[in-house]
């Protein structure tokens, strides 16, 4: 089984007030985007981004959606759980002293 912690905002590109508990697919295979990054193919990258960039408010939410798509494409033979908390924060007592110190 695979458990992935994403974010409640991975589908921030949808204007619906309620979203289904599913992975919303990109208009292209996530692997194409990753290949363009690896190969530093800026032209192909810009072409792919043009298909969806206006839809996401920032790169963080887009990257989370991209990660969910990668998981669905590459691990579809496994039982998958994608957890989408609205806030992620450090633990109270661990894993080590001072792990909760934050500058925010």
PDB file of N, CA and C in Angstrom:
ATOM      1  N   UNK A   1       0.845  -1.189   0.000  1.00  0.00           N
ATOM      2  CA  UNK A   1       0.000   0.000   0.000  1.00  0.00           C
ATOM      3  C   UNK A   1       0.883   1.243   0.000  1.00  0.00           C
ATOM      4  N   UNK A   2       0.358   2.308  -0.532  1.00  0.00           N
ATOM      5  CA  UNK A   2       1.063   3.583  -0.591  1.00  0.00           C
ATOM      6  C   UNK A   2       0.182   4.659   0.033  1.00  0.00           C
ATOM      7  N   UNK A   3       0.729   5.384   0.998  1.00  0.00           N
ATOM      8  CA  UNK A   3       0.022   6.504   1.616  1.00  0.00           C
ATOM      9  C   UNK A   3       0.822   7.760   1.320  1.00  0.00           C
ATOM     10  N   UNK A   4       0.181   8.751   0.708  1.00  0.00           N
ATOM     11  CA  UNK A   4       0.839  10.003   0.327  1.00  0.00           C
ATOM     12  C   UNK A   4       0.124  11.168   1.009  1.00  0.00           C
ATOM     13  N   UNK A   5       0.888  12.045   1.643  1.00  0.00           N
ATOM     14  CA  UNK A   5       0.315  13.244   2.253  1.00  0.00           C
ATOM     15  C   UNK A   5       0.403  14.377   1.249  1.00  0.00           C
ATOM     16  N   UNK A   6      -0.738  14.826   0.814  1.00  0.00           N
ATOM     17  CA  UNK A   6      -0.821  15.914  -0.160  1.00  0.00           C
ATOM     18  C   UNK A   6      -1.289  17.168   0.576  1.00  0.00           C
ATOM     19  N   UNK A   7      -2.238  17.866   0.023  1.00  0.00           N
ATOM     20  CA  UNK A   7      -2.803  19.050   0.655  1.00  0.00           C
ATOM     21  C   UNK A   7      -4.248  19.213   0.213  1.00  0.00           C
ATOM     22  N   UNK A   8      -5.041  19.844   1.034  1.00  0.00           N
ATOM     23  CA  UNK A   8      -6.432  20.118   0.672  1.00  0.00           C
ATOM     24  C   UNK A   8      -6.513  21.044  -0.531  1.00  0.00           C
ATOM     25  N   UNK A   9      -5.406  21.674  -0.867  1.00  0.00           N
ATOM     26  CA  UNK A   9      -5.399  22.677  -1.936  1.00  0.00           C
ATOM     27  C   UNK A   9      -4.849  22.143  -3.254  1.00  0.00           C
ATOM     28  N   UNK A  10      -4.662  20.835  -3.366  1.00  0.00           N
ATOM     29  CA  UNK A  10      -4.123  20.275  -4.607  1.00  0.00           C
ATOM     30  C   UNK A  10      -5.064  20.479  -5.787  1.00  0.00           C
ATOM     31  N   UNK A  11      -6.325  20.722  -5.505  1.00  0.00           N
ATOM     32  CA  UNK A  11      -7.300  20.969  -6.566  1.00  0.00           C
ATOM     33  C   UNK A  11      -7.845  22.387  -6.490  1.00  0.00           C
ATOM     34  N   UNK A  12      -6.970  23.315  -6.133  1.00  0.00           N
ATOM     35  CA  UNK A  12      -7.374  24.722  -5.990  1.00  0.00           C
ATOM     36  C   UNK A  12      -7.775  25.348  -7.316  1.00  0.00           C
ATOM     37  N   UNK A  13      -7.530  24.649  -8.397  1.00  0.00           N
ATOM     38  CA  UNK A  13      -7.908  25.163  -9.708  1.00  0.00           C
ATOM     39  C   UNK A  13      -9.387  24.973 -10.010  1.00  0.00           C
ATOM     40  N   UNK A  14     -10.090  24.199  -9.190  1.00  0.00           N
ATOM     41  CA  UNK A  14     -11.523  23.985  -9.393  1.00  0.00           C
ATOM     42  C   UNK A  14     -12.315  24.998  -8.580  1.00  0.00           C
ATOM     43  N   UNK A  15     -13.314  25.567  -9.185  1.00  0.00           N
ATOM     44  CA  UNK A  15     -14.134  26.571  -8.500  1.00  0.00           C
ATOM     45  C   UNK A  15     -15.347  25.960  -7.817  1.00  0.00           C
ATOM     46  N   UNK A  16     -15.420  24.654  -7.770  1.00  0.00           N
ATOM     47  CA  UNK A  16     -16.552  23.991  -7.123  1.00  0.00           C
ATOM     48  C   UNK A  16     -16.470  24.192  -5.616  1.00  0.00           C
ATOM     49  N   UNK A  17     -17.627  24.248  -4.977  1.00  0.00           N
ATOM     50  CA  UNK A  17     -17.638  24.368  -3.524  1.00  0.00           C
ATOM     51  C   UNK A  17     -17.389  23.021  -2.855  1.00  0.00           C
ATOM     52  N   UNK A  18     -17.650  21.955  -3.571  1.00  0.00           N
ATOM     53  CA  UNK A  18     -17.331  20.637  -3.022  1.00  0.00           C
ATOM     54  C   UNK A  18     -16.639  19.823  -4.108  1.00  0.00           C
ATOM     55  N   UNK A  19     -15.595  19.153  -3.706  1.00  0.00           N
ATOM     56  CA  UNK A  19     -14.821  18.327  -4.625  1.00  0.00           C
ATOM     57  C   UNK A  19     -14.995  16.867  -4.250  1.00  0.00           C
ATOM     58  N   UNK A  20     -14.967  16.022  -5.240  1.00  0.00           N
ATOM     59  CA  UNK A  20     -15.048  14.589  -4.982  1.00  0.00           C
ATOM     60  C   UNK A  20     -13.702  14.108  -4.451  1.00  0.00           C
ATOM     61  N   UNK A  21     -13.735  13.002  -3.735  1.00  0.00           N
ATOM     62  CA  UNK A  21     -12.498  12.415  -3.225  1.00  0.00           C
ATOM     63  C   UNK A  21     -11.881  11.560  -4.321  1.00  0.00           C
ATOM     64  N   UNK A  22     -11.263  12.236  -5.267  1.00  0.00           N
ATOM     65  CA  UNK A  22     -10.604  11.563  -6.376  1.00  0.00           C
ATOM     66  C   UNK A  22      -9.429  12.411  -6.828  1.00  0.00           C
ATOM     67  N   UNK A  23      -8.589  11.832  -7.645  1.00  0.00           N
ATOM     68  CA  UNK A  23      -7.474  12.579  -8.213  1.00  0.00           C
ATOM     69  C   UNK A  23      -7.966  13.199  -9.514  1.00  0.00           C
ATOM     70  N   UNK A  24      -7.932  14.508  -9.577  1.00  0.00           N
ATOM     71  CA  UNK A  24      -8.333  15.206 -10.790  1.00  0.00           C
ATOM     72  C   UNK A  24      -7.144  15.204 -11.741  1.00  0.00           C
ATOM     73  N   UNK A  25      -7.377  14.698 -12.932  1.00  0.00           N
ATOM     74  CA  UNK A  25      -6.295  14.489 -13.883  1.00  0.00           C
ATOM     75  C   UNK A  25      -5.878  15.783 -14.576  1.00  0.00           C
ATOM     76  N   UNK A  26      -4.589  15.883 -14.852  1.00  0.00           N
ATOM     77  CA  UNK A  26      -4.041  16.990 -15.629  1.00  0.00           C
ATOM     78  C   UNK A  26      -4.424  16.800 -17.094  1.00  0.00           C
ATOM     79  N   UNK A  27      -4.373  17.867 -17.901  1.00  0.00           N
ATOM     80  CA  UNK A  27      -4.701  17.717 -19.324  1.00  0.00           C
ATOM     81  C   UNK A  27      -3.582  17.035 -20.119  1.00  0.00           C
ATOM     82  N   UNK A  28      -2.561  16.539 -19.439  1.00  0.00           N
ATOM     83  CA  UNK A  28      -1.449  15.814 -20.057  1.00  0.00           C
ATOM     84  C   UNK A  28      -0.911  14.828 -19.031  1.00  0.00           C
ATOM     85  N   UNK A  29      -0.148  13.855 -19.484  1.00  0.00           N
ATOM     86  CA  UNK A  29       0.458  12.901 -18.543  1.00  0.00           C
ATOM     87  C   UNK A  29       1.544  13.600 -17.741  1.00  0.00           C
ATOM     88  N   UNK A  30       1.545  13.398 -16.452  1.00  0.00           N
ATOM     89  CA  UNK A  30       2.519  14.043 -15.565  1.00  0.00           C
ATOM     90  C   UNK A  30       3.946  13.717 -15.983  1.00  0.00           C
ATOM     91  N   UNK A  31       4.159  12.529 -16.513  1.00  0.00           N
ATOM     92  CA  UNK A  31       5.502  12.116 -16.934  1.00  0.00           C
ATOM     93  C   UNK A  31       6.054  13.029 -18.035  1.00  0.00           C
ATOM     94  N   UNK A  32       5.177  13.542 -18.904  1.00  0.00           N
ATOM     95  CA  UNK A  32       5.625  14.474 -19.949  1.00  0.00           C
ATOM     96  C   UNK A  32       6.216  15.733 -19.321  1.00  0.00           C
ATOM     97  N   UNK A  33       5.569  16.227 -18.286  1.00  0.00           N
ATOM     98  CA  UNK A  33       6.036  17.423 -17.588  1.00  0.00           C
ATOM     99  C   UNK A  33       7.385  17.150 -16.930  1.00  0.00           C
ATOM    100  N   UNK A  34       7.497  16.020 -16.249  1.00  0.00           N
ATOM    101  CA  UNK A  34       8.748  15.669 -15.570  1.00  0.00           C
ATOM    102  C   UNK A  34       9.881  15.443 -16.568  1.00  0.00           C
ATOM    103  N   UNK A  35       9.576  14.830 -17.705  1.00  0.00           N
ATOM    104  CA  UNK A  35      10.599  14.641 -18.743  1.00  0.00           C
ATOM    105  C   UNK A  35      11.098  15.979 -19.270  1.00  0.00           C
ATOM    106  N   UNK A  36      10.185  16.925 -19.473  1.00  0.00           N
ATOM    107  CA  UNK A  36      10.582  18.256 -19.951  1.00  0.00           C
ATOM    108  C   UNK A  36      11.483  18.942 -18.928  1.00  0.00           C
ATOM    109  N   UNK A  37      11.189  18.752 -17.642  1.00  0.00           N
ATOM    110  CA  UNK A  37      12.045  19.318 -16.593  1.00  0.00           C
ATOM    111  C   UNK A  37      13.429  18.674 -16.609  1.00  0.00           C
ATOM    112  N   UNK A  38      13.457  17.351 -16.658  1.00  0.00           N
ATOM    113  CA  UNK A  38      14.737  16.624 -16.642  1.00  0.00           C
ATOM    114  C   UNK A  38      15.609  16.985 -17.838  1.00  0.00           C
ATOM    115  N   UNK A  39      14.981  17.131 -18.993  1.00  0.00           N
ATOM    116  CA  UNK A  39      15.721  17.410 -20.226  1.00  0.00           C
ATOM    117  C   UNK A  39      15.958  18.898 -20.459  1.00  0.00           C
ATOM    118  N   UNK A  40      15.491  19.712 -19.511  1.00  0.00           N
ATOM    119  CA  UNK A  40      15.603  21.168 -19.635  1.00  0.00           C
ATOM    120  C   UNK A  40      15.057  21.649 -20.981  1.00  0.00           C
ATOM    121  N   UNK A  41      13.941  21.050 -21.383  1.00  0.00           N
ATOM    122  CA  UNK A  41      13.275  21.403 -22.634  1.00  0.00           C
ATOM    123  C   UNK A  41      12.279  22.526 -22.342  1.00  0.00           C
ATOM    124  N   UNK A  42      12.785  23.750 -22.315  1.00  0.00           N
ATOM    125  CA  UNK A  42      11.957  24.899 -21.940  1.00  0.00           C
ATOM    126  C   UNK A  42      10.774  25.096 -22.874  1.00  0.00           C
ATOM    127  N   UNK A  43      10.972  24.833 -24.152  1.00  0.00           N
ATOM    128  CA  UNK A  43       9.882  25.013 -25.113  1.00  0.00           C
ATOM    129  C   UNK A  43       8.722  24.065 -24.805  1.00  0.00           C
ATOM    130  N   UNK A  44       9.034  22.787 -24.589  1.00  0.00           N
ATOM    131  CA  UNK A  44       8.001  21.799 -24.260  1.00  0.00           C
ATOM    132  C   UNK A  44       7.382  22.112 -22.907  1.00  0.00           C
ATOM    133  N   UNK A  45       8.192  22.522 -21.956  1.00  0.00           N
ATOM    134  CA  UNK A  45       7.706  22.864 -20.626  1.00  0.00           C
ATOM    135  C   UNK A  45       6.710  24.015 -20.696  1.00  0.00           C
ATOM    136  N   UNK A  46       7.039  25.048 -21.443  1.00  0.00           N
ATOM    137  CA  UNK A  46       6.134  26.197 -21.589  1.00  0.00           C
ATOM    138  C   UNK A  46       4.829  25.789 -22.269  1.00  0.00           C
ATOM    139  N   UNK A  47       4.929  24.882 -23.216  1.00  0.00           N
ATOM    140  CA  UNK A  47       3.733  24.388 -23.906  1.00  0.00           C
ATOM    141  C   UNK A  47       2.802  23.670 -22.925  1.00  0.00           C
ATOM    142  N   UNK A  48       3.376  22.815 -22.076  1.00  0.00           N
ATOM    143  CA  UNK A  48       2.577  22.088 -21.093  1.00  0.00           C
ATOM    144  C   UNK A  48       1.999  23.024 -20.039  1.00  0.00           C
ATOM    145  N   UNK A  49       2.812  23.955 -19.567  1.00  0.00           N
ATOM    146  CA  UNK A  49       2.356  24.912 -18.549  1.00  0.00           C
ATOM    147  C   UNK A  49       1.220  25.769 -19.095  1.00  0.00           C
ATOM    148  N   UNK A  50       1.291  26.122 -20.365  1.00  0.00           N
ATOM    149  CA  UNK A  50       0.248  26.953 -20.972  1.00  0.00           C
ATOM    150  C   UNK A  50      -1.118  26.272 -20.928  1.00  0.00           C
ATOM    151  N   UNK A  51      -1.129  24.935 -20.889  1.00  0.00           N
ATOM    152  CA  UNK A  51      -2.394  24.200 -20.828  1.00  0.00           C
ATOM    153  C   UNK A  51      -3.087  24.328 -19.475  1.00  0.00           C
ATOM    154  N   UNK A  52      -2.338  24.647 -18.422  1.00  0.00           N
ATOM    155  CA  UNK A  52      -2.957  24.609 -17.098  1.00  0.00           C
ATOM    156  C   UNK A  52      -2.560  25.730 -16.161  1.00  0.00           C
ATOM    157  N   UNK A  53      -1.539  26.497 -16.451  1.00  0.00           N
ATOM    158  CA  UNK A  53      -1.045  27.503 -15.514  1.00  0.00           C
ATOM    159  C   UNK A  53      -2.119  28.479 -15.022  1.00  0.00           C
ATOM    160  N   UNK A  54      -2.957  29.001 -15.897  1.00  0.00           N
ATOM    161  CA  UNK A  54      -3.953  29.958 -15.400  1.00  0.00           C
ATOM    162  C   UNK A  54      -4.918  29.355 -14.385  1.00  0.00           C
ATOM    163  N   UNK A  55      -5.015  28.031 -14.379  1.00  0.00           N
ATOM    164  CA  UNK A  55      -5.982  27.376 -13.506  1.00  0.00           C
ATOM    165  C   UNK A  55      -5.547  27.288 -12.048  1.00  0.00           C
ATOM    166  N   UNK A  56      -4.243  27.209 -11.784  1.00  0.00           N
ATOM    167  CA  UNK A  56      -3.754  27.069 -10.414  1.00  0.00           C
ATOM    168  C   UNK A  56      -3.296  28.419  -9.881  1.00  0.00           C
ATOM    169  N   UNK A  57      -3.589  28.720  -8.609  1.00  0.00           N
ATOM    170  CA  UNK A  57      -3.204  30.026  -8.056  1.00  0.00           C
ATOM    171  C   UNK A  57      -1.706  30.171  -7.792  1.00  0.00           C
ATOM    172  N   UNK A  58      -0.982  29.039  -7.665  1.00  0.00           N
ATOM    173  CA  UNK A  58       0.460  29.110  -7.398  1.00  0.00           C
ATOM    174  C   UNK A  58       1.117  27.773  -7.729  1.00  0.00           C
ATOM    175  N   UNK A  59       2.431  27.761  -7.714  1.00  0.00           N
ATOM    176  CA  UNK A  59       3.161  26.543  -8.076  1.00  0.00           C
ATOM    177  C   UNK A  59       3.049  25.451  -7.014  1.00  0.00           C
ATOM    178  N   UNK A  60       2.822  25.832  -5.761  1.00  0.00           N
ATOM    179  CA  UNK A  60       2.679  24.838  -4.693  1.00  0.00           C
ATOM    180  C   UNK A  60       1.477  23.934  -4.963  1.00  0.00           C
ATOM    181  N   UNK A  61       0.319  24.530  -5.226  1.00  0.00           N
ATOM    182  CA  UNK A  61      -0.880  23.725  -5.452  1.00  0.00           C
ATOM    183  C   UNK A  61      -0.760  22.916  -6.740  1.00  0.00           C
ATOM    184  N   UNK A  62      -0.134  23.500  -7.756  1.00  0.00           N
ATOM    185  CA  UNK A  62       0.079  22.762  -9.005  1.00  0.00           C
ATOM    186  C   UNK A  62       1.001  21.572  -8.771  1.00  0.00           C
ATOM    187  N   UNK A  63       2.079  21.768  -8.007  1.00  0.00           N
ATOM    188  CA  UNK A  63       3.027  20.673  -7.777  1.00  0.00           C
ATOM    189  C   UNK A  63       2.385  19.535  -6.993  1.00  0.00           C
ATOM    190  N   UNK A  64       1.463  19.850  -6.091  1.00  0.00           N
ATOM    191  CA  UNK A  64       0.766  18.804  -5.340  1.00  0.00           C
ATOM    192  C   UNK A  64      -0.152  18.002  -6.260  1.00  0.00           C
ATOM    193  N   UNK A  65      -0.836  18.689  -7.167  1.00  0.00           N
ATOM    194  CA  UNK A  65      -1.674  17.993  -8.144  1.00  0.00           C
ATOM    195  C   UNK A  65      -0.807  17.134  -9.059  1.00  0.00           C
ATOM    196  N   UNK A  66       0.321  17.670  -9.475  1.00  0.00           N
ATOM    197  CA  UNK A  66       1.257  16.925 -10.318  1.00  0.00           C
ATOM    198  C   UNK A  66       1.722  15.658  -9.599  1.00  0.00           C
ATOM    199  N   UNK A  67       2.064  15.780  -8.328  1.00  0.00           N
ATOM    200  CA  UNK A  67       2.515  14.622  -7.543  1.00  0.00           C
ATOM    201  C   UNK A  67       1.420  13.563  -7.440  1.00  0.00           C
ATOM    202  N   UNK A  68       0.188  13.992  -7.216  1.00  0.00           N
ATOM    203  CA  UNK A  68      -0.921  13.037  -7.144  1.00  0.00           C
ATOM    204  C   UNK A  68      -1.085  12.305  -8.478  1.00  0.00           C
ATOM    205  N   UNK A  69      -0.927  13.017  -9.575  1.00  0.00           N
ATOM    206  CA  UNK A  69      -1.027  12.399 -10.898  1.00  0.00           C
ATOM    207  C   UNK A  69       0.110  11.410 -11.134  1.00  0.00           C
ATOM    208  N   UNK A  70       1.317  11.758 -10.704  1.00  0.00           N
ATOM    209  CA  UNK A  70       2.460  10.846 -10.840  1.00  0.00           C
ATOM    210  C   UNK A  70       2.187   9.558 -10.074  1.00  0.00           C
ATOM    211  N   UNK A  71       1.669   9.688  -8.876  1.00  0.00           N
ATOM    212  CA  UNK A  71       1.363   8.512  -8.058  1.00  0.00           C
ATOM    213  C   UNK A  71       0.337   7.625  -8.752  1.00  0.00           C
ATOM    214  N   UNK A  72      -0.715   8.224  -9.273  1.00  0.00           N
ATOM    215  CA  UNK A  72      -1.744   7.435  -9.938  1.00  0.00           C
ATOM    216  C   UNK A  72      -1.210   6.755 -11.200  1.00  0.00           C
ATOM    217  N   UNK A  73      -0.298   7.420 -11.895  1.00  0.00           N
ATOM    218  CA  UNK A  73       0.263   6.852 -13.123  1.00  0.00           C
ATOM    219  C   UNK A  73       1.277   5.746 -12.856  1.00  0.00           C
ATOM    220  N   UNK A  74       2.036   5.865 -11.780  1.00  0.00           N
ATOM    221  CA  UNK A  74       3.143   4.929 -11.560  1.00  0.00           C
ATOM    222  C   UNK A  74       2.871   3.854 -10.512  1.00  0.00           C
ATOM    223  N   UNK A  75       1.890   4.062  -9.664  1.00  0.00           N
ATOM    224  CA  UNK A  75       1.635   3.095  -8.594  1.00  0.00           C
ATOM    225  C   UNK A  75       0.208   2.559  -8.640  1.00  0.00           C
ATOM    226  N   UNK A  76      -0.389   2.567  -9.808  1.00  0.00           N
ATOM    227  CA  UNK A  76      -1.793   2.170  -9.920  1.00  0.00           C
ATOM    228  C   UNK A  76      -2.030   0.703  -9.564  1.00  0.00           C
ATOM    229  N   UNK A  77      -0.972  -0.092  -9.519  1.00  0.00           N
ATOM    230  CA  UNK A  77      -1.122  -1.499  -9.143  1.00  0.00           C
ATOM    231  C   UNK A  77      -1.135  -1.698  -7.626  1.00  0.00           C
ATOM    232  N   UNK A  78      -0.963  -0.627  -6.864  1.00  0.00           N
ATOM    233  CA  UNK A  78      -0.969  -0.697  -5.400  1.00  0.00           C
ATOM    234  C   UNK A  78      -2.245  -0.082  -4.838  1.00  0.00           C
ATOM    235  N   UNK A  79      -2.647  -0.503  -3.633  1.00  0.00           N
ATOM    236  CA  UNK A  79      -3.705   0.233  -2.942  1.00  0.00           C
ATOM    237  C   UNK A  79      -3.131   1.601  -2.550  1.00  0.00           C
ATOM    238  N   UNK A  80      -3.813   2.679  -2.911  1.00  0.00           N
ATOM    239  CA  UNK A  80      -3.295   4.034  -2.688  1.00  0.00           C
ATOM    240  C   UNK A  80      -4.254   4.817  -1.805  1.00  0.00           C
ATOM    241  N   UNK A  81      -3.689   5.526  -0.826  1.00  0.00           N
ATOM    242  CA  UNK A  81      -4.456   6.477  -0.016  1.00  0.00           C
ATOM    243  C   UNK A  81      -3.753   7.821  -0.118  1.00  0.00           C
ATOM    244  N   UNK A  82      -4.500   8.840  -0.517  1.00  0.00           N
ATOM    245  CA  UNK A  82      -3.949  10.192  -0.572  1.00  0.00           C
ATOM    246  C   UNK A  82      -4.646  10.997   0.512  1.00  0.00           C
ATOM    247  N   UNK A  83      -3.865  11.463   1.467  1.00  0.00           N
ATOM    248  CA  UNK A  83      -4.380  12.237   2.591  1.00  0.00           C
ATOM    249  C   UNK A  83      -4.224  13.711   2.239  1.00  0.00           C
ATOM    250  N   UNK A  84      -5.302  14.496   2.425  1.00  0.00           N
ATOM    251  CA  UNK A  84      -5.260  15.916   2.064  1.00  0.00           C
ATOM    252  C   UNK A  84      -5.624  16.807   3.256  1.00  0.00           C
ATOM    253  N   UNK A  85      -4.718  16.935   4.217  1.00  0.00           N
ATOM    254  CA  UNK A  85      -4.998  17.836   5.346  1.00  0.00           C
ATOM    255  C   UNK A  85      -4.933  19.294   4.894  1.00  0.00           C
ATOM    256  N   UNK A  86      -5.636  20.148   5.611  1.00  0.00           N
ATOM    257  CA  UNK A  86      -5.605  21.577   5.265  1.00  0.00           C
ATOM    258  C   UNK A  86      -4.397  22.271   5.879  1.00  0.00           C
ATOM    259  N   UNK A  87      -3.873  21.722   6.972  1.00  0.00           N
ATOM    260  CA  UNK A  87      -2.697  22.307   7.618  1.00  0.00           C
ATOM    261  C   UNK A  87      -1.769  21.170   8.036  1.00  0.00           C
ATOM    262  N   UNK A  88      -0.483  21.335   7.770  1.00  0.00           N
ATOM    263  CA  UNK A  88       0.523  20.367   8.215  1.00  0.00           C
ATOM    264  C   UNK A  88       1.476  21.116   9.131  1.00  0.00           C
ATOM    265  N   UNK A  89       1.728  20.555  10.315  1.00  0.00           N
ATOM    266  CA  UNK A  89       2.571  21.217  11.302  1.00  0.00           C
ATOM    267  C   UNK A  89       3.440  20.171  11.974  1.00  0.00           C
ATOM    268  N   UNK A  90       4.460  20.604  12.652  1.00  0.00           N
ATOM    269  CA  UNK A  90       5.370  19.666  13.312  1.00  0.00           C
ATOM    270  C   UNK A  90       4.706  19.003  14.518  1.00  0.00           C
ATOM    271  N   UNK A  91       5.352  17.972  15.024  1.00  0.00           N
ATOM    272  CA  UNK A  91       4.831  17.258  16.184  1.00  0.00           C
ATOM    273  C   UNK A  91       5.053  18.061  17.462  1.00  0.00           C
ATOM    274  N   UNK A  92       4.355  17.668  18.516  1.00  0.00           N
ATOM    275  CA  UNK A  92       4.445  18.401  19.774  1.00  0.00           C
ATOM    276  C   UNK A  92       5.726  18.076  20.526  1.00  0.00           C
ATOM    277  N   UNK A  93       6.060  16.787  20.656  1.00  0.00           N
ATOM    278  CA  UNK A  93       7.215  16.403  21.472  1.00  0.00           C
ATOM    279  C   UNK A  93       8.370  15.799  20.677  1.00  0.00           C
ATOM    280  N   UNK A  94       8.248  15.605  19.456  1.00  0.00           N
ATOM    281  CA  UNK A  94       9.317  14.927  18.740  1.00  0.00           C
ATOM    282  C   UNK A  94       9.329  15.311  17.290  1.00  0.00           C
ATOM    283  N   UNK A  95      10.190  14.778  16.537  1.00  0.00           N
ATOM    284  CA  UNK A  95      11.044  13.623  16.801  1.00  0.00           C
ATOM    285  C   UNK A  95      12.310  13.955  17.571  1.00  0.00           C
ATOM    286  N   UNK A  96      12.603  15.236  17.772  1.00  0.00           N
ATOM    287  CA  UNK A  96      13.805  15.609  18.518  1.00  0.00           C
ATOM    288  C   UNK A  96      13.553  16.945  19.206  1.00  0.00           C
ATOM    289  N   UNK A  97      14.354  17.298  20.201  1.00  0.00           N
ATOM    290  CA  UNK A  97      14.185  18.594  20.860  1.00  0.00           C
ATOM    291  C   UNK A  97      14.288  19.733  19.844  1.00  0.00           C
ATOM    292  N   UNK A  98      13.484  20.730  20.018  1.00  0.00           N
ATOM    293  CA  UNK A  98      13.471  21.943  19.193  1.00  0.00           C
ATOM    294  C   UNK A  98      12.922  21.721  17.787  1.00  0.00           C
ATOM    295  N   UNK A  99      12.288  20.579  17.532  1.00  0.00           N
ATOM    296  CA  UNK A  99      11.769  20.347  16.183  1.00  0.00           C
ATOM    297  C   UNK A  99      10.567  21.236  15.868  1.00  0.00           C
ATOM    298  N   UNK A 100       9.981  21.850  16.892  1.00  0.00           N
ATOM    299  CA  UNK A 100       8.840  22.731  16.663  1.00  0.00           C
ATOM    300  C   UNK A 100       9.247  24.176  16.458  1.00  0.00           C
ATOM    301  N   UNK A 101      10.491  24.508  16.606  1.00  0.00           N
ATOM    302  CA  UNK A 101      10.919  25.897  16.462  1.00  0.00           C
ATOM    303  C   UNK A 101      10.668  26.345  15.032  1.00  0.00           C
ATOM    304  N   UNK A 102      10.009  27.479  14.912  1.00  0.00           N
ATOM    305  CA  UNK A 102       9.672  27.993  13.588  1.00  0.00           C
ATOM    306  C   UNK A 102       9.876  29.493  13.569  1.00  0.00           C
ATOM    307  N   UNK A 103      10.234  30.017  12.431  1.00  0.00           N
ATOM    308  CA  UNK A 103      10.399  31.467  12.305  1.00  0.00           C
ATOM    309  C   UNK A 103       9.124  32.126  11.808  1.00  0.00           C
ATOM    310  N   UNK A 104       8.097  31.328  11.596  1.00  0.00           N
ATOM    311  CA  UNK A 104       6.837  31.882  11.089  1.00  0.00           C
ATOM    312  C   UNK A 104       5.961  32.307  12.237  1.00  0.00           C
TER     313      UNK A 104
END
